């Protein structure tokens, strides 16, 4: 089992930046795919960014050029750098991971391990 704990959420004005962190409970060598998802009030959870094999990444169109997913294997930690935040980025952000394969998919069906979420609120 891999436990994931997110941190770094908070309130920020539009145009500002936040960096989310996701700490894993065990060595990340056993995890092949990582992702960030988010869920806004009244909406379904959606994929934001994915980190797969050999550092390949994929982003939702709505965050391309503003968000960056990265990983520090030595710290067993995944990050999401969010710049130029917009009001519509307001949501609970979830970290997800999977040990079954190298997915580069933004669908939650591909991820088995999930964090508890961290709130990001952007004021306009």
PDB file of N, CA and C in Angstrom:
ATOM      1  N   UNK A   1       0.823  -1.195   0.000  1.00  0.00           N
ATOM      2  CA  UNK A   1       0.000   0.000   0.000  1.00  0.00           C
ATOM      3  C   UNK A   1       0.864   1.254   0.000  1.00  0.00           C
ATOM      4  N   UNK A   2       0.425   2.261  -0.702  1.00  0.00           N
ATOM      5  CA  UNK A   2       1.086   3.556  -0.734  1.00  0.00           C
ATOM      6  C   UNK A   2       0.108   4.593  -0.202  1.00  0.00           C
ATOM      7  N   UNK A   3       0.531   5.302   0.827  1.00  0.00           N
ATOM      8  CA  UNK A   3      -0.295   6.381   1.347  1.00  0.00           C
ATOM      9  C   UNK A   3       0.226   7.711   0.814  1.00  0.00           C
ATOM     10  N   UNK A   4      -0.696   8.574   0.417  1.00  0.00           N
ATOM     11  CA  UNK A   4      -0.345   9.861  -0.178  1.00  0.00           C
ATOM     12  C   UNK A   4      -0.928  10.986   0.677  1.00  0.00           C
ATOM     13  N   UNK A   5      -0.117  11.984   0.962  1.00  0.00           N
ATOM     14  CA  UNK A   5      -0.566  13.113   1.772  1.00  0.00           C
ATOM     15  C   UNK A   5      -0.227  14.411   1.044  1.00  0.00           C
ATOM     16  N   UNK A   6      -1.281  15.156   0.680  1.00  0.00           N
ATOM     17  CA  UNK A   6      -1.080  16.425  -0.004  1.00  0.00           C
ATOM     18  C   UNK A   6      -0.911  17.568   0.992  1.00  0.00           C
ATOM     19  N   UNK A   7      -0.222  18.598   0.547  1.00  0.00           N
ATOM     20  CA  UNK A   7      -0.079  19.830   1.326  1.00  0.00           C
ATOM     21  C   UNK A   7       0.185  20.972   0.354  1.00  0.00           C
ATOM     22  N   UNK A   8       0.114  22.200   0.878  1.00  0.00           N
ATOM     23  CA  UNK A   8       0.449  23.360   0.067  1.00  0.00           C
ATOM     24  C   UNK A   8      -0.740  24.133  -0.457  1.00  0.00           C
ATOM     25  N   UNK A   9      -1.936  23.638  -0.212  1.00  0.00           N
ATOM     26  CA  UNK A   9      -3.109  24.371  -0.652  1.00  0.00           C
ATOM     27  C   UNK A   9      -3.295  25.634   0.166  1.00  0.00           C
ATOM     28  N   UNK A  10      -4.217  26.486  -0.281  1.00  0.00           N
ATOM     29  CA  UNK A  10      -4.488  27.717   0.442  1.00  0.00           C
ATOM     30  C   UNK A  10      -5.278  28.677  -0.412  1.00  0.00           C
ATOM     31  N   UNK A  11      -5.302  29.915   0.024  1.00  0.00           N
ATOM     32  CA  UNK A  11      -6.038  30.964  -0.687  1.00  0.00           C
ATOM     33  C   UNK A  11      -5.051  31.909  -1.342  1.00  0.00           C
ATOM     34  N   UNK A  12      -5.348  32.300  -2.566  1.00  0.00           N
ATOM     35  CA  UNK A  12      -4.460  33.184  -3.308  1.00  0.00           C
ATOM     36  C   UNK A  12      -5.294  34.039  -4.245  1.00  0.00           C
ATOM     37  N   UNK A  13      -4.811  35.190  -4.575  1.00  0.00           N
ATOM     38  CA  UNK A  13      -5.503  36.041  -5.534  1.00  0.00           C
ATOM     39  C   UNK A  13      -5.200  35.595  -6.961  1.00  0.00           C
ATOM     40  N   UNK A  14      -6.098  35.915  -7.852  1.00  0.00           N
ATOM     41  CA  UNK A  14      -5.898  35.586  -9.267  1.00  0.00           C
ATOM     42  C   UNK A  14      -4.567  36.158  -9.745  1.00  0.00           C
ATOM     43  N   UNK A  15      -3.848  35.348 -10.521  1.00  0.00           N
ATOM     44  CA  UNK A  15      -2.535  35.746 -10.989  1.00  0.00           C
ATOM     45  C   UNK A  15      -1.404  35.265 -10.099  1.00  0.00           C
ATOM     46  N   UNK A  16      -1.751  34.769  -8.915  1.00  0.00           N
ATOM     47  CA  UNK A  16      -0.741  34.301  -7.985  1.00  0.00           C
ATOM     48  C   UNK A  16      -0.311  32.867  -8.248  1.00  0.00           C
ATOM     49  N   UNK A  17       0.541  32.350  -7.361  1.00  0.00           N
ATOM     50  CA  UNK A  17       1.104  31.014  -7.531  1.00  0.00           C
ATOM     51  C   UNK A  17       0.993  30.214  -6.237  1.00  0.00           C
ATOM     52  N   UNK A  18       0.932  28.905  -6.403  1.00  0.00           N
ATOM     53  CA  UNK A  18       0.991  27.970  -5.283  1.00  0.00           C
ATOM     54  C   UNK A  18       1.746  26.739  -5.749  1.00  0.00           C
ATOM     55  N   UNK A  19       2.388  26.053  -4.803  1.00  0.00           N
ATOM     56  CA  UNK A  19       3.006  24.770  -5.118  1.00  0.00           C
ATOM     57  C   UNK A  19       2.430  23.723  -4.189  1.00  0.00           C
ATOM     58  N   UNK A  20       1.795  22.735  -4.771  1.00  0.00           N
ATOM     59  CA  UNK A  20       1.262  21.617  -4.015  1.00  0.00           C
ATOM     60  C   UNK A  20       2.304  20.517  -3.914  1.00  0.00           C
ATOM     61  N   UNK A  21       2.299  19.831  -2.784  1.00  0.00           N
ATOM     62  CA  UNK A  21       3.196  18.704  -2.574  1.00  0.00           C
ATOM     63  C   UNK A  21       2.382  17.468  -2.239  1.00  0.00           C
ATOM     64  N   UNK A  22       2.907  16.326  -2.608  1.00  0.00           N
ATOM     65  CA  UNK A  22       2.264  15.040  -2.298  1.00  0.00           C
ATOM     66  C   UNK A  22       3.356  14.098  -1.816  1.00  0.00           C
ATOM     67  N   UNK A  23       3.354  13.809  -0.526  1.00  0.00           N
ATOM     68  CA  UNK A  23       4.359  12.942   0.057  1.00  0.00           C
ATOM     69  C   UNK A  23       3.866  11.504   0.073  1.00  0.00           C
ATOM     70  N   UNK A  24       4.687  10.594  -0.431  1.00  0.00           N
ATOM     71  CA  UNK A  24       4.331   9.178  -0.461  1.00  0.00           C
ATOM     72  C   UNK A  24       4.934   8.470   0.744  1.00  0.00           C
ATOM     73  N   UNK A  25       4.239   7.446   1.203  1.00  0.00           N
ATOM     74  CA  UNK A  25       4.647   6.760   2.428  1.00  0.00           C
ATOM     75  C   UNK A  25       5.756   5.742   2.208  1.00  0.00           C
ATOM     76  N   UNK A  26       6.054   5.413   0.962  1.00  0.00           N
ATOM     77  CA  UNK A  26       7.096   4.433   0.695  1.00  0.00           C
ATOM     78  C   UNK A  26       7.868   4.832  -0.541  1.00  0.00           C
ATOM     79  N   UNK A  27       8.924   4.088  -0.821  1.00  0.00           N
ATOM     80  CA  UNK A  27       9.772   4.405  -1.955  1.00  0.00           C
ATOM     81  C   UNK A  27       8.965   4.484  -3.242  1.00  0.00           C
ATOM     82  N   UNK A  28       9.192   5.542  -3.974  1.00  0.00           N
ATOM     83  CA  UNK A  28       8.418   5.762  -5.181  1.00  0.00           C
ATOM     84  C   UNK A  28       8.871   4.899  -6.347  1.00  0.00           C
ATOM     85  N   UNK A  29       9.918   4.117  -6.143  1.00  0.00           N
ATOM     86  CA  UNK A  29      10.367   3.240  -7.220  1.00  0.00           C
ATOM     87  C   UNK A  29       9.305   2.214  -7.582  1.00  0.00           C
ATOM     88  N   UNK A  30       8.418   1.915  -6.636  1.00  0.00           N
ATOM     89  CA  UNK A  30       7.370   0.927  -6.886  1.00  0.00           C
ATOM     90  C   UNK A  30       6.135   1.550  -7.526  1.00  0.00           C
ATOM     91  N   UNK A  31       6.141   2.849  -7.712  1.00  0.00           N
ATOM     92  CA  UNK A  31       5.017   3.553  -8.324  1.00  0.00           C
ATOM     93  C   UNK A  31       5.427   4.038  -9.701  1.00  0.00           C
ATOM     94  N   UNK A  32       4.626   3.719 -10.705  1.00  0.00           N
ATOM     95  CA  UNK A  32       4.999   4.028 -12.071  1.00  0.00           C
ATOM     96  C   UNK A  32       4.338   5.282 -12.630  1.00  0.00           C
ATOM     97  N   UNK A  33       3.161   5.582 -12.151  1.00  0.00           N
ATOM     98  CA  UNK A  33       2.414   6.713 -12.696  1.00  0.00           C
ATOM     99  C   UNK A  33       1.913   7.603 -11.577  1.00  0.00           C
ATOM    100  N   UNK A  34       2.005   8.897 -11.819  1.00  0.00           N
ATOM    101  CA  UNK A  34       1.585   9.896 -10.846  1.00  0.00           C
ATOM    102  C   UNK A  34       0.675  10.908 -11.536  1.00  0.00           C
ATOM    103  N   UNK A  35      -0.239  11.479 -10.755  1.00  0.00           N
ATOM    104  CA  UNK A  35      -1.142  12.465 -11.360  1.00  0.00           C
ATOM    105  C   UNK A  35      -1.715  13.389 -10.304  1.00  0.00           C
ATOM    106  N   UNK A  36      -2.168  14.522 -10.787  1.00  0.00           N
ATOM    107  CA  UNK A  36      -2.960  15.447  -9.969  1.00  0.00           C
ATOM    108  C   UNK A  36      -4.342  15.562 -10.599  1.00  0.00           C
ATOM    109  N   UNK A  37      -5.350  15.519  -9.748  1.00  0.00           N
ATOM    110  CA  UNK A  37      -6.736  15.720 -10.148  1.00  0.00           C
ATOM    111  C   UNK A  37      -7.309  16.854  -9.317  1.00  0.00           C
ATOM    112  N   UNK A  38      -8.454  17.356  -9.735  1.00  0.00           N
ATOM    113  CA  UNK A  38      -9.129  18.374  -8.936  1.00  0.00           C
ATOM    114  C   UNK A  38     -10.640  18.225  -9.080  1.00  0.00           C
ATOM    115  N   UNK A  39     -11.339  18.703  -8.052  1.00  0.00           N
ATOM    116  CA  UNK A  39     -12.794  18.658  -8.070  1.00  0.00           C
ATOM    117  C   UNK A  39     -13.341  19.964  -7.520  1.00  0.00           C
ATOM    118  N   UNK A  40     -14.017  20.691  -8.384  1.00  0.00           N
ATOM    119  CA  UNK A  40     -14.653  21.941  -7.988  1.00  0.00           C
ATOM    120  C   UNK A  40     -16.054  21.643  -7.459  1.00  0.00           C
ATOM    121  N   UNK A  41     -16.614  22.525  -6.650  1.00  0.00           N
ATOM    122  CA  UNK A  41     -17.962  22.311  -6.109  1.00  0.00           C
ATOM    123  C   UNK A  41     -18.989  22.082  -7.219  1.00  0.00           C
ATOM    124  N   UNK A  42     -19.747  21.012  -7.086  1.00  0.00           N
ATOM    125  CA  UNK A  42     -20.795  20.728  -8.049  1.00  0.00           C
ATOM    126  C   UNK A  42     -20.318  20.136  -9.359  1.00  0.00           C
ATOM    127  N   UNK A  43     -19.024  19.836  -9.453  1.00  0.00           N
ATOM    128  CA  UNK A  43     -18.476  19.292 -10.697  1.00  0.00           C
ATOM    129  C   UNK A  43     -17.810  17.951 -10.440  1.00  0.00           C
ATOM    130  N   UNK A  44     -17.606  17.201 -11.515  1.00  0.00           N
ATOM    131  CA  UNK A  44     -16.925  15.926 -11.402  1.00  0.00           C
ATOM    132  C   UNK A  44     -15.414  16.154 -11.265  1.00  0.00           C
ATOM    133  N   UNK A  45     -14.749  15.158 -10.705  1.00  0.00           N
ATOM    134  CA  UNK A  45     -13.302  15.239 -10.587  1.00  0.00           C
ATOM    135  C   UNK A  45     -12.677  15.135 -11.977  1.00  0.00           C
ATOM    136  N   UNK A  46     -11.668  15.973 -12.212  1.00  0.00           N
ATOM    137  CA  UNK A  46     -11.028  16.002 -13.523  1.00  0.00           C
ATOM    138  C   UNK A  46      -9.520  15.906 -13.390  1.00  0.00           C
ATOM    139  N   UNK A  47      -8.893  15.297 -14.386  1.00  0.00           N
ATOM    140  CA  UNK A  47      -7.442  15.194 -14.396  1.00  0.00           C
ATOM    141  C   UNK A  47      -6.812  16.516 -14.761  1.00  0.00           C
ATOM    142  N   UNK A  48      -5.711  16.840 -14.080  1.00  0.00           N
ATOM    143  CA  UNK A  48      -5.012  18.102 -14.297  1.00  0.00           C
ATOM    144  C   UNK A  48      -3.649  17.874 -14.948  1.00  0.00           C
ATOM    145  N   UNK A  49      -2.886  16.942 -14.383  1.00  0.00           N
ATOM    146  CA  UNK A  49      -1.536  16.704 -14.889  1.00  0.00           C
ATOM    147  C   UNK A  49      -1.109  15.288 -14.556  1.00  0.00           C
ATOM    148  N   UNK A  50      -0.318  14.715 -15.442  1.00  0.00           N
ATOM    149  CA  UNK A  50       0.158  13.346 -15.279  1.00  0.00           C
ATOM    150  C   UNK A  50       1.668  13.293 -15.492  1.00  0.00           C
ATOM    151  N   UNK A  51       2.343  12.461 -14.683  1.00  0.00           N
ATOM    152  CA  UNK A  51       3.771  12.225 -14.850  1.00  0.00           C
ATOM    153  C   UNK A  51       3.956  10.723 -15.030  1.00  0.00           C
ATOM    154  N   UNK A  52       4.493  10.333 -16.187  1.00  0.00           N
ATOM    155  CA  UNK A  52       4.623   8.920 -16.476  1.00  0.00           C
ATOM    156  C   UNK A  52       6.054   8.489 -16.704  1.00  0.00           C
ATOM    157  N   UNK A  53       6.192   7.497 -17.578  1.00  0.00           N
ATOM    158  CA  UNK A  53       7.489   6.891 -17.829  1.00  0.00           C
ATOM    159  C   UNK A  53       8.499   7.882 -18.394  1.00  0.00           C
ATOM    160  N   UNK A  54       9.709   7.800 -17.861  1.00  0.00           N
ATOM    161  CA  UNK A  54      10.819   8.592 -18.378  1.00  0.00           C
ATOM    162  C   UNK A  54      10.531  10.090 -18.342  1.00  0.00           C
ATOM    163  N   UNK A  55       9.735  10.510 -17.370  1.00  0.00           N
ATOM    164  CA  UNK A  55       9.489  11.929 -17.205  1.00  0.00           C
ATOM    165  C   UNK A  55       8.482  12.540 -18.145  1.00  0.00           C
ATOM    166  N   UNK A  56       7.819  11.700 -18.904  1.00  0.00           N
ATOM    167  CA  UNK A  56       6.813  12.240 -19.822  1.00  0.00           C
ATOM    168  C   UNK A  56       5.648  12.812 -19.032  1.00  0.00           C
ATOM    169  N   UNK A  57       5.075  13.896 -19.537  1.00  0.00           N
ATOM    170  CA  UNK A  57       3.984  14.568 -18.859  1.00  0.00           C
ATOM    171  C   UNK A  57       2.823  14.820 -19.818  1.00  0.00           C
ATOM    172  N   UNK A  58       1.671  15.014 -19.223  1.00  0.00           N
ATOM    173  CA  UNK A  58       0.482  15.380 -19.984  1.00  0.00           C
ATOM    174  C   UNK A  58      -0.352  16.297 -19.107  1.00  0.00           C
ATOM    175  N   UNK A  59      -0.968  17.310 -19.731  1.00  0.00           N
ATOM    176  CA  UNK A  59      -1.727  18.295 -18.984  1.00  0.00           C
ATOM    177  C   UNK A  59      -3.104  18.498 -19.601  1.00  0.00           C
ATOM    178  N   UNK A  60      -4.038  18.867 -18.747  1.00  0.00           N
ATOM    179  CA  UNK A  60      -5.334  19.291 -19.247  1.00  0.00           C
ATOM    180  C   UNK A  60      -5.147  20.599 -20.007  1.00  0.00           C
ATOM    181  N   UNK A  61      -5.953  20.800 -21.047  1.00  0.00           N
ATOM    182  CA  UNK A  61      -5.825  22.009 -21.853  1.00  0.00           C
ATOM    183  C   UNK A  61      -5.966  23.281 -21.018  1.00  0.00           C
ATOM    184  N   UNK A  62      -6.804  23.217 -20.011  1.00  0.00           N
ATOM    185  CA  UNK A  62      -7.105  24.406 -19.209  1.00  0.00           C
ATOM    186  C   UNK A  62      -5.914  24.878 -18.363  1.00  0.00           C
ATOM    187  N   UNK A  63      -4.903  24.010 -18.163  1.00  0.00           N
ATOM    188  CA  UNK A  63      -3.775  24.393 -17.313  1.00  0.00           C
ATOM    189  C   UNK A  63      -2.445  24.410 -18.052  1.00  0.00           C
ATOM    190  N   UNK A  64      -2.448  24.043 -19.303  1.00  0.00           N
ATOM    191  CA  UNK A  64      -1.199  24.015 -20.080  1.00  0.00           C
ATOM    192  C   UNK A  64      -0.532  25.385 -20.081  1.00  0.00           C
ATOM    193  N   UNK A  65       0.778  25.370 -19.843  1.00  0.00           N
ATOM    194  CA  UNK A  65       1.527  26.616 -19.817  1.00  0.00           C
ATOM    195  C   UNK A  65       1.491  27.327 -18.483  1.00  0.00           C
ATOM    196  N   UNK A  66       0.637  26.865 -17.566  1.00  0.00           N
ATOM    197  CA  UNK A  66       0.536  27.494 -16.239  1.00  0.00           C
ATOM    198  C   UNK A  66       0.947  26.545 -15.119  1.00  0.00           C
ATOM    199  N   UNK A  67       0.655  25.257 -15.266  1.00  0.00           N
ATOM    200  CA  UNK A  67       0.954  24.263 -14.236  1.00  0.00           C
ATOM    201  C   UNK A  67       2.105  23.381 -14.688  1.00  0.00           C
ATOM    202  N   UNK A  68       2.904  22.932 -13.710  1.00  0.00           N
ATOM    203  CA  UNK A  68       4.003  22.017 -13.996  1.00  0.00           C
ATOM    204  C   UNK A  68       4.026  20.910 -12.951  1.00  0.00           C
ATOM    205  N   UNK A  69       4.009  19.661 -13.408  1.00  0.00           N
ATOM    206  CA  UNK A  69       4.110  18.512 -12.513  1.00  0.00           C
ATOM    207  C   UNK A  69       5.559  18.039 -12.489  1.00  0.00           C
ATOM    208  N   UNK A  70       6.034  17.703 -11.291  1.00  0.00           N
ATOM    209  CA  UNK A  70       7.407  17.234 -11.176  1.00  0.00           C
ATOM    210  C   UNK A  70       7.516  16.311  -9.977  1.00  0.00           C
ATOM    211  N   UNK A  71       8.699  15.683  -9.850  1.00  0.00           N
ATOM    212  CA  UNK A  71       8.871  14.691  -8.792  1.00  0.00           C
ATOM    213  C   UNK A  71      10.281  14.763  -8.241  1.00  0.00           C
ATOM    214  N   UNK A  72      10.398  14.546  -6.940  1.00  0.00           N
ATOM    215  CA  UNK A  72      11.693  14.413  -6.286  1.00  0.00           C
ATOM    216  C   UNK A  72      11.750  13.011  -5.706  1.00  0.00           C
ATOM    217  N   UNK A  73      12.413  12.101  -6.405  1.00  0.00           N
ATOM    218  CA  UNK A  73      12.440  10.702  -5.960  1.00  0.00           C
ATOM    219  C   UNK A  73      13.140  10.535  -4.620  1.00  0.00           C
ATOM    220  N   UNK A  74      14.132  11.351  -4.367  1.00  0.00           N
ATOM    221  CA  UNK A  74      14.869  11.247  -3.100  1.00  0.00           C
ATOM    222  C   UNK A  74      13.966  11.566  -1.916  1.00  0.00           C
ATOM    223  N   UNK A  75      12.986  12.410  -2.135  1.00  0.00           N
ATOM    224  CA  UNK A  75      12.066  12.799  -1.060  1.00  0.00           C
ATOM    225  C   UNK A  75      10.729  12.083  -1.153  1.00  0.00           C
ATOM    226  N   UNK A  76      10.591  11.178  -2.137  1.00  0.00           N
ATOM    227  CA  UNK A  76       9.307  10.483  -2.345  1.00  0.00           C
ATOM    228  C   UNK A  76       8.152  11.472  -2.438  1.00  0.00           C
ATOM    229  N   UNK A  77       8.367  12.546  -3.155  1.00  0.00           N
ATOM    230  CA  UNK A  77       7.383  13.627  -3.195  1.00  0.00           C
ATOM    231  C   UNK A  77       7.078  14.059  -4.625  1.00  0.00           C
ATOM    232  N   UNK A  78       5.799  14.260  -4.872  1.00  0.00           N
ATOM    233  CA  UNK A  78       5.310  14.780  -6.150  1.00  0.00           C
ATOM    234  C   UNK A  78       4.896  16.234  -5.943  1.00  0.00           C
ATOM    235  N   UNK A  79       5.098  17.062  -6.964  1.00  0.00           N
ATOM    236  CA  UNK A  79       4.757  18.473  -6.860  1.00  0.00           C
ATOM    237  C   UNK A  79       3.846  18.909  -8.006  1.00  0.00           C
ATOM    238  N   UNK A  80       3.113  19.975  -7.745  1.00  0.00           N
ATOM    239  CA  UNK A  80       2.365  20.655  -8.804  1.00  0.00           C
ATOM    240  C   UNK A  80       2.577  22.148  -8.602  1.00  0.00           C
ATOM    241  N   UNK A  81       3.384  22.730  -9.470  1.00  0.00           N
ATOM    242  CA  UNK A  81       3.599  24.170  -9.443  1.00  0.00           C
ATOM    243  C   UNK A  81       2.498  24.829 -10.264  1.00  0.00           C
ATOM    244  N   UNK A  82       1.773  25.725  -9.625  1.00  0.00           N
ATOM    245  CA  UNK A  82       0.638  26.380 -10.284  1.00  0.00           C
ATOM    246  C   UNK A  82       0.901  27.875 -10.349  1.00  0.00           C
ATOM    247  N   UNK A  83       1.027  28.386 -11.544  1.00  0.00           N
ATOM    248  CA  UNK A  83       1.278  29.807 -11.755  1.00  0.00           C
ATOM    249  C   UNK A  83       0.098  30.457 -12.474  1.00  0.00           C
ATOM    250  N   UNK A  84       0.030  31.769 -12.373  1.00  0.00           N
ATOM    251  CA  UNK A  84      -1.040  32.534 -13.034  1.00  0.00           C
ATOM    252  C   UNK A  84      -2.406  31.903 -12.744  1.00  0.00           C
ATOM    253  N   UNK A  85      -2.667  31.692 -11.475  1.00  0.00           N
ATOM    254  CA  UNK A  85      -3.909  31.025 -11.075  1.00  0.00           C
ATOM    255  C   UNK A  85      -5.123  31.866 -11.435  1.00  0.00           C
ATOM    256  N   UNK A  86      -6.180  31.157 -11.790  1.00  0.00           N
ATOM    257  CA  UNK A  86      -7.441  31.791 -12.172  1.00  0.00           C
ATOM    258  C   UNK A  86      -8.548  31.364 -11.214  1.00  0.00           C
ATOM    259  N   UNK A  87      -9.610  32.142 -11.189  1.00  0.00           N
ATOM    260  CA  UNK A  87     -10.725  31.831 -10.305  1.00  0.00           C
ATOM    261  C   UNK A  87     -11.224  30.408 -10.556  1.00  0.00           C
ATOM    262  N   UNK A  88     -11.256  30.011 -11.810  1.00  0.00           N
ATOM    263  CA  UNK A  88     -11.778  28.689 -12.163  1.00  0.00           C
ATOM    264  C   UNK A  88     -10.852  27.542 -11.758  1.00  0.00           C
ATOM    265  N   UNK A  89      -9.671  27.850 -11.226  1.00  0.00           N
ATOM    266  CA  UNK A  89      -8.787  26.812 -10.691  1.00  0.00           C
ATOM    267  C   UNK A  89      -9.177  26.421  -9.270  1.00  0.00           C
ATOM    268  N   UNK A  90     -10.124  27.135  -8.687  1.00  0.00           N
ATOM    269  CA  UNK A  90     -10.578  26.831  -7.337  1.00  0.00           C
ATOM    270  C   UNK A  90     -11.162  25.426  -7.279  1.00  0.00           C
ATOM    271  N   UNK A  91     -10.629  24.597  -6.393  1.00  0.00           N
ATOM    272  CA  UNK A  91     -11.054  23.206  -6.293  1.00  0.00           C
ATOM    273  C   UNK A  91     -10.290  22.524  -5.164  1.00  0.00           C
ATOM    274  N   UNK A  92     -10.722  21.316  -4.851  1.00  0.00           N
ATOM    275  CA  UNK A  92      -9.914  20.437  -4.007  1.00  0.00           C
ATOM    276  C   UNK A  92      -9.005  19.646  -4.946  1.00  0.00           C
ATOM    277  N   UNK A  93      -7.721  19.679  -4.650  1.00  0.00           N
ATOM    278  CA  UNK A  93      -6.734  19.015  -5.505  1.00  0.00           C
ATOM    279  C   UNK A  93      -6.294  17.706  -4.855  1.00  0.00           C
ATOM    280  N   UNK A  94      -6.272  16.652  -5.661  1.00  0.00           N
ATOM    281  CA  UNK A  94      -5.925  15.318  -5.189  1.00  0.00           C
ATOM    282  C   UNK A  94      -4.687  14.799  -5.909  1.00  0.00           C
ATOM    283  N   UNK A  95      -3.842  14.143  -5.148  1.00  0.00           N
ATOM    284  CA  UNK A  95      -2.706  13.430  -5.698  1.00  0.00           C
ATOM    285  C   UNK A  95      -3.131  11.974  -5.918  1.00  0.00           C
ATOM    286  N   UNK A  96      -2.673  11.369  -7.014  1.00  0.00           N
ATOM    287  CA  UNK A  96      -3.010   9.979  -7.306  1.00  0.00           C
ATOM    288  C   UNK A  96      -1.776   9.264  -7.843  1.00  0.00           C
ATOM    289  N   UNK A  97      -1.739   7.945  -7.626  1.00  0.00           N
ATOM    290  CA  UNK A  97      -0.590   7.167  -8.080  1.00  0.00           C
ATOM    291  C   UNK A  97      -1.028   5.745  -8.415  1.00  0.00           C
ATOM    292  N   UNK A  98      -0.194   5.054  -9.194  1.00  0.00           N
ATOM    293  CA  UNK A  98      -0.531   3.684  -9.561  1.00  0.00           C
ATOM    294  C   UNK A  98       0.736   2.869  -9.776  1.00  0.00           C
ATOM    295  N   UNK A  99       0.682   1.599  -9.360  1.00  0.00           N
ATOM    296  CA  UNK A  99       1.833   0.707  -9.474  1.00  0.00           C
ATOM    297  C   UNK A  99       1.667  -0.344 -10.558  1.00  0.00           C
ATOM    298  N   UNK A 100       0.610  -0.265 -11.330  1.00  0.00           N
ATOM    299  CA  UNK A 100       0.324  -1.330 -12.292  1.00  0.00           C
ATOM    300  C   UNK A 100       0.898  -1.060 -13.673  1.00  0.00           C
ATOM    301  N   UNK A 101       1.196   0.198 -13.950  1.00  0.00           N
ATOM    302  CA  UNK A 101       1.718   0.482 -15.284  1.00  0.00           C
ATOM    303  C   UNK A 101       2.024   1.953 -15.457  1.00  0.00           C
ATOM    304  N   UNK A 102       2.631   2.250 -16.622  1.00  0.00           N
ATOM    305  CA  UNK A 102       2.991   3.622 -16.936  1.00  0.00           C
ATOM    306  C   UNK A 102       1.849   4.258 -17.720  1.00  0.00           C
ATOM    307  N   UNK A 103       0.931   4.864 -16.949  1.00  0.00           N
ATOM    308  CA  UNK A 103      -0.204   5.521 -17.620  1.00  0.00           C
ATOM    309  C   UNK A 103       0.135   6.967 -17.874  1.00  0.00           C
ATOM    310  N   UNK A 104      -0.252   7.466 -18.993  1.00  0.00           N
ATOM    311  CA  UNK A 104      -0.169   8.901 -19.263  1.00  0.00           C
ATOM    312  C   UNK A 104      -1.582   9.369 -19.571  1.00  0.00           C
ATOM    313  N   UNK A 105      -2.467   9.030 -18.634  1.00  0.00           N
ATOM    314  CA  UNK A 105      -3.881   9.281 -18.824  1.00  0.00           C
ATOM    315  C   UNK A 105      -4.410  10.202 -17.739  1.00  0.00           C
ATOM    316  N   UNK A 106      -5.358  11.027 -18.102  1.00  0.00           N
ATOM    317  CA  UNK A 106      -5.975  11.953 -17.159  1.00  0.00           C
ATOM    318  C   UNK A 106      -7.297  11.416 -16.621  1.00  0.00           C
ATOM    319  N   UNK A 107      -7.513  10.125 -16.757  1.00  0.00           N
ATOM    320  CA  UNK A 107      -8.726   9.502 -16.238  1.00  0.00           C
ATOM    321  C   UNK A 107      -8.448   8.885 -14.884  1.00  0.00           C
ATOM    322  N   UNK A 108      -9.339   9.103 -13.943  1.00  0.00           N
ATOM    323  CA  UNK A 108      -9.123   8.583 -12.584  1.00  0.00           C
ATOM    324  C   UNK A 108      -9.199   7.064 -12.554  1.00  0.00           C
ATOM    325  N   UNK A 109      -9.702   6.441 -13.584  1.00  0.00           N
ATOM    326  CA  UNK A 109      -9.803   4.986 -13.626  1.00  0.00           C
ATOM    327  C   UNK A 109      -8.434   4.311 -13.597  1.00  0.00           C
ATOM    328  N   UNK A 110      -7.376   5.041 -13.950  1.00  0.00           N
ATOM    329  CA  UNK A 110      -6.046   4.462 -14.061  1.00  0.00           C
ATOM    330  C   UNK A 110      -5.232   4.557 -12.781  1.00  0.00           C
ATOM    331  N   UNK A 111      -5.794   5.097 -11.725  1.00  0.00           N
ATOM    332  CA  UNK A 111      -5.010   5.346 -10.519  1.00  0.00           C
ATOM    333  C   UNK A 111      -5.655   4.671  -9.328  1.00  0.00           C
ATOM    334  N   UNK A 112      -4.845   3.942  -8.582  1.00  0.00           N
ATOM    335  CA  UNK A 112      -5.358   3.149  -7.452  1.00  0.00           C
ATOM    336  C   UNK A 112      -5.191   3.876  -6.122  1.00  0.00           C
ATOM    337  N   UNK A 113      -4.093   4.571  -5.946  1.00  0.00           N
ATOM    338  CA  UNK A 113      -3.813   5.251  -4.669  1.00  0.00           C
ATOM    339  C   UNK A 113      -4.208   6.730  -4.768  1.00  0.00           C
ATOM    340  N   UNK A 114      -4.849   7.212  -3.705  1.00  0.00           N
ATOM    341  CA  UNK A 114      -5.336   8.591  -3.688  1.00  0.00           C
ATOM    342  C   UNK A 114      -5.035   9.252  -2.357  1.00  0.00           C
ATOM    343  N   UNK A 115      -4.737  10.544  -2.407  1.00  0.00           N
ATOM    344  CA  UNK A 115      -4.598  11.322  -1.196  1.00  0.00           C
ATOM    345  C   UNK A 115      -5.955  11.849  -0.745  1.00  0.00           C
ATOM    346  N   UNK A 116      -5.926  12.588   0.360  1.00  0.00           N
ATOM    347  CA  UNK A 116      -7.182  13.072   0.941  1.00  0.00           C
ATOM    348  C   UNK A 116      -7.626  14.409   0.357  1.00  0.00           C
ATOM    349  N   UNK A 117      -6.743  15.070  -0.353  1.00  0.00           N
ATOM    350  CA  UNK A 117      -7.091  16.323  -1.003  1.00  0.00           C
ATOM    351  C   UNK A 117      -6.640  17.541  -0.223  1.00  0.00           C
ATOM    352  N   UNK A 118      -6.387  18.620  -0.957  1.00  0.00           N
ATOM    353  CA  UNK A 118      -6.034  19.900  -0.352  1.00  0.00           C
ATOM    354  C   UNK A 118      -6.775  21.005  -1.105  1.00  0.00           C
ATOM    355  N   UNK A 119      -7.326  21.952  -0.356  1.00  0.00           N
ATOM    356  CA  UNK A 119      -8.166  22.986  -0.960  1.00  0.00           C
ATOM    357  C   UNK A 119      -7.316  24.113  -1.537  1.00  0.00           C
ATOM    358  N   UNK A 120      -7.653  24.502  -2.753  1.00  0.00           N
ATOM    359  CA  UNK A 120      -7.063  25.672  -3.392  1.00  0.00           C
ATOM    360  C   UNK A 120      -8.202  26.640  -3.716  1.00  0.00           C
ATOM    361  N   UNK A 121      -8.089  27.852  -3.205  1.00  0.00           N
ATOM    362  CA  UNK A 121      -9.118  28.862  -3.439  1.00  0.00           C
ATOM    363  C   UNK A 121      -8.474  30.083  -4.084  1.00  0.00           C
ATOM    364  N   UNK A 122      -8.982  30.460  -5.250  1.00  0.00           N
ATOM    365  CA  UNK A 122      -8.452  31.610  -5.978  1.00  0.00           C
ATOM    366  C   UNK A 122      -9.529  32.687  -6.024  1.00  0.00           C
ATOM    367  N   UNK A 123      -9.193  33.841  -5.514  1.00  0.00           N
ATOM    368  CA  UNK A 123     -10.141  34.954  -5.504  1.00  0.00           C
ATOM    369  C   UNK A 123      -9.851  35.878  -6.684  1.00  0.00           C
ATOM    370  N   UNK A 124     -10.923  36.337  -7.277  1.00  0.00           N
ATOM    371  CA  UNK A 124     -10.774  37.183  -8.473  1.00  0.00           C
ATOM    372  C   UNK A 124     -10.679  38.651  -8.094  1.00  0.00           C
TER     373      UNK A 124
END
